[in-house]
Amino acid sequence: MRKTSTIEEHSASRLTPSTPWRIKSFSIKDGYTIEVIFNDGTQGVFDLENFIHKENSGVFRHLQNYKKFQEADLVYGVITWPGNIDIAPDALYRLAKDSSVGEKLLVN
């Protein structure tokens, strides 16, 4: 199952975050991989499997249940999950900017 979300779906009062590292849209691909497009058009494909399944994954351990992972949503330019879990869009942005186009990035 693939999920896609865009920032327009969650723009309260028509406010749209404009910083370049905010996420404009994302989709869940196979496994724990997400494809992200940032406000400035930068794109990245991120493999979160190792990050979520490592021994000290903290709150992200809840996403080891793949059905929970698939509940990802986009709120004000940030990918979020139920339980107040989110992943820092600025960190993903830095990884995407420092990589080759089309390269699948491992998030540790």
Protein backbone atom coordinates (compact mmCIF):
# COMPACT_ATOMS: atom_id res chain seq x y z
CA MET A 1 0.00 0.00 0.00
CA ARG A 2 1.36 3.41 -0.94
CA LYS A 3 0.34 6.58 0.78
CA THR A 4 0.77 10.09 -0.54
CA SER A 5 0.14 13.33 1.29
CA THR A 6 0.59 16.97 0.38
CA ILE A 7 0.92 20.07 2.52
CA GLU A 8 -2.20 21.59 0.98
CA GLU A 9 -4.31 18.96 2.73
CA HIS A 10 -3.37 20.38 6.13
CA SER A 11 -3.04 24.12 5.70
CA ALA A 12 -5.05 25.56 8.57
CA SER A 13 -6.29 29.02 7.68
CA ARG A 14 -4.50 28.64 4.35
CA LEU A 15 -1.10 29.10 5.99
CA THR A 16 1.65 27.20 4.21
CA PRO A 17 5.13 26.92 5.75
CA SER A 18 7.55 28.56 3.31
CA THR A 19 10.98 27.54 4.58
CA PRO A 20 12.83 25.48 1.96
CA TRP A 21 13.34 22.48 4.27
CA ARG A 22 9.63 22.08 5.02
CA ILE A 23 8.09 19.12 3.22
CA LYS A 24 5.65 19.87 0.42
CA SER A 25 4.64 16.25 -0.19
CA PHE A 26 5.69 12.71 0.61
CA SER A 27 4.75 9.16 -0.26
CA ILE A 28 5.43 5.85 1.42
CA LYS A 29 7.10 3.44 -0.95
CA ASP A 30 7.98 -0.20 -0.35
CA GLY A 31 8.89 -1.11 3.21
CA TYR A 32 9.99 1.76 5.41
CA THR A 33 11.02 3.98 2.50
CA ILE A 34 9.58 7.45 2.02
CA GLU A 35 9.94 9.75 -0.95
CA VAL A 36 9.90 13.43 -0.05
CA ILE A 37 9.61 16.69 -1.99
CA PHE A 38 10.62 19.83 -0.10
CA ASN A 39 9.24 23.34 -0.62
CA ASP A 40 12.20 24.37 -2.80
CA GLY A 41 11.83 21.30 -5.06
CA THR A 42 14.66 19.29 -3.49
CA GLN A 43 13.75 15.60 -3.47
CA GLY A 44 14.94 12.65 -1.45
CA VAL A 45 14.21 8.97 -0.97
CA PHE A 46 14.83 7.85 2.61
CA ASP A 47 15.08 4.32 3.98
CA LEU A 48 14.00 4.53 7.62
CA GLU A 49 14.00 0.78 8.37
CA ASN A 50 17.30 0.63 10.29
CA PHE A 51 16.48 3.85 12.14
CA ILE A 52 13.11 2.51 13.32
CA HIS A 53 14.30 -1.02 14.12
CA LYS A 54 17.53 -0.22 15.96
CA GLU A 55 17.73 -1.20 19.62
CA ASN A 56 17.61 2.37 20.95
CA SER A 57 15.01 3.78 18.55
CA GLY A 58 13.13 5.57 21.35
CA VAL A 59 9.62 6.70 20.41
CA PHE A 60 10.19 5.42 16.87
CA ARG A 61 9.94 1.83 18.17
CA HIS A 62 6.14 2.27 17.92
CA LEU A 63 6.58 2.47 14.15
CA GLN A 64 8.05 -1.03 14.04
CA ASN A 65 4.42 -2.02 13.61
CA TYR A 66 4.18 -1.39 9.86
CA LYS A 67 0.49 -0.48 10.06
CA LYS A 68 1.44 2.35 12.46
CA PHE A 69 4.21 3.46 10.08
CA GLN A 70 1.66 3.69 7.28
CA GLU A 71 -0.39 6.16 9.35
CA ALA A 72 2.13 8.89 8.49
CA ASP A 73 0.65 12.27 7.72
CA LEU A 74 1.92 15.70 6.73
CA VAL A 75 1.22 18.48 9.21
CA TYR A 76 2.63 21.96 8.56
CA GLY A 77 5.45 20.57 6.45
CA VAL A 78 6.47 17.83 8.90
CA ILE A 79 5.88 14.08 8.53
CA THR A 80 4.06 12.97 11.68
CA TRP A 81 2.57 9.80 13.15
CA PRO A 82 -0.04 9.28 15.86
CA GLY A 83 1.41 9.61 19.37
CA ASN A 84 3.20 12.92 18.68
CA ILE A 85 5.96 11.23 16.68
CA ASP A 86 7.63 13.21 13.91
CA ILE A 87 10.86 13.25 11.96
CA ALA A 88 12.83 16.47 11.63
CA PRO A 89 12.38 17.79 8.09
CA ASP A 90 15.52 19.93 8.32
CA ALA A 91 17.64 16.81 8.99
CA LEU A 92 16.10 15.01 6.00
CA TYR A 93 16.66 18.13 3.89
CA ARG A 94 20.37 18.25 4.77
CA LEU A 95 20.74 14.58 3.82
CA ALA A 96 18.95 15.19 0.52
CA LYS A 97 21.05 18.27 -0.32
CA ASP A 98 24.28 16.40 0.41
CA SER A 99 23.43 13.39 -1.77
CA SER A 100 23.30 12.47 -5.43
CA VAL A 101 19.98 12.84 -7.20
CA GLY A 102 18.02 9.58 -7.03
CA GLU A 103 20.26 8.09 -4.35
CA LYS A 104 18.36 6.15 -1.68
CA LEU A 105 19.45 7.55 1.66
CA LEU A 106 19.78 5.49 4.81
CA VAL A 107 18.63 7.27 7.94
CA ASN A 108 20.46 5.97 11.00
